[in-house]
Protein backbone atom coordinates (compact mmCIF):
# COMPACT_ATOMS: atom_id res chain seq x y z
CA MET A 1 66.68 14.77 -11.42
CA SER A 2 64.68 13.28 -8.26
CA LYS A 3 64.36 15.67 -5.19
CA LYS A 4 63.61 14.36 -1.55
CA ILE A 5 61.40 16.10 0.67
CA TYR A 6 61.57 16.22 4.61
CA VAL A 7 57.85 15.78 5.82
CA GLY A 8 57.70 16.23 10.05
CA ASN A 9 54.92 15.97 12.23
CA LEU A 10 53.57 13.44 11.08
CA SER A 11 50.63 11.91 12.83
CA TYR A 12 52.09 8.53 14.46
CA ASN A 13 49.27 6.68 12.66
CA THR A 14 49.90 7.67 8.96
CA GLY A 15 51.52 5.22 6.59
CA GLU A 16 54.01 4.78 3.89
CA GLU A 17 51.77 4.19 1.92
CA ASN A 18 49.15 7.14 2.81
CA LEU A 19 52.22 9.55 2.80
CA ALA A 20 52.86 8.52 -0.98
CA ASP A 21 49.29 8.64 -2.03
CA LEU A 22 49.02 11.98 -0.72
CA PHE A 23 52.56 13.50 -2.45
CA ALA A 24 51.40 11.62 -5.60
CA GLN A 25 48.88 14.53 -6.43
CA TYR A 26 51.86 16.37 -7.49
CA GLY A 27 53.93 13.78 -9.62
CA GLN A 28 55.83 10.77 -9.28
CA VAL A 29 57.28 9.59 -6.18
CA ASN A 30 60.01 7.35 -5.99
CA SER A 31 60.02 6.67 -2.45
CA ALA A 32 58.63 7.16 0.82
CA LYS A 33 59.76 6.40 4.12
CA ILE A 34 58.81 7.19 7.48
CA ILE A 35 61.60 6.97 10.24
CA PHE A 36 61.25 4.21 13.26
CA ASP A 37 62.70 4.55 16.69
CA ARG A 38 64.77 0.95 16.51
CA GLU A 39 63.66 0.36 20.41
CA THR A 40 60.03 1.30 20.76
CA ASN A 41 59.31 0.32 16.92
CA ARG A 42 56.97 3.43 16.75
CA SER A 43 57.06 6.04 14.02
CA LYS A 44 58.74 9.09 15.10
CA GLY A 45 56.77 11.59 13.69
CA PHE A 46 58.89 12.46 10.53
CA GLY A 47 59.90 11.10 7.06
CA PHE A 48 61.36 11.65 3.59
CA ILE A 49 59.82 11.33 -0.07
CA GLU A 50 61.62 11.38 -3.14
CA MET A 51 59.79 12.56 -5.85
CA GLU A 52 61.20 12.38 -9.58
CA GLU A 53 60.88 16.00 -10.87
CA ALA A 54 62.12 18.82 -9.07
CA GLU A 55 59.33 20.94 -10.42
CA ALA A 56 56.38 18.68 -9.09
CA ALA A 57 58.28 18.54 -5.35
CA GLU A 58 58.50 22.18 -4.83
CA ALA A 59 54.68 22.23 -6.12
CA ALA A 60 54.29 19.22 -3.61
CA ILE A 61 56.49 21.56 -0.66
CA SER A 62 55.09 24.41 -1.30
CA GLU A 63 51.36 23.29 -1.12
CA LEU A 64 51.16 20.74 1.85
CA ASN A 65 53.65 22.63 4.24
CA ASN A 66 51.65 23.92 7.02
CA SER A 67 48.51 22.17 5.77
CA GLU A 68 46.30 19.41 7.87
CA PHE A 69 47.10 15.58 7.17
CA ASP A 70 45.84 12.57 9.73
CA GLY A 71 44.86 15.59 12.02
CA ARG A 72 48.50 17.61 12.21
CA ASN A 73 49.76 20.38 10.73
CA LEU A 74 52.70 19.03 8.16
CA ARG A 75 56.27 20.58 8.25
CA VAL A 76 57.19 20.08 4.68
CA ASN A 77 60.85 21.28 3.17
CA GLU A 78 64.04 20.22 1.02
CA ALA A 79 65.87 17.67 2.70
CA VAL A 80 69.28 18.70 3.66
CA GLU A 81 72.16 16.17 3.52
CA ARG A 82 73.29 16.14 7.54
CA GLU A 83 76.67 14.36 7.98
CA ARG A 84 75.80 11.05 9.82
CA ARG A 85 76.99 10.93 13.50
CA PRO A 86 78.75 8.06 14.63
CA ARG A 87 76.82 5.47 16.35
CA ASN A 88 77.78 5.10 20.29
CA ASN A 89 76.95 1.38 21.20
CA SER A 90 79.62 1.78 24.26
CA TYR A 91 78.11 2.68 27.95
CA GLN A 92 79.23 4.81 30.19
CA TYR A 93 78.55 4.17 34.06
């Protein structure tokens, strides 16, 4: 069963391929997604990795949390499903 991992404190220069390569050391990476701001198209400094094996994901979390990557100390933990907030497209003045 696959496992989703949250990766925070990413450098704005980190690409999805670089992030996938980092986690691939621990097992098969199904996907790597960095979250971008819709207005500026700039990285928000966090992303998600989905790994095929739960054991490999746990190893990656324990090894990579607080480790340095692209000049930043990563925050790595199991992703927690959040309730989606409704988008509010109406502006009040």
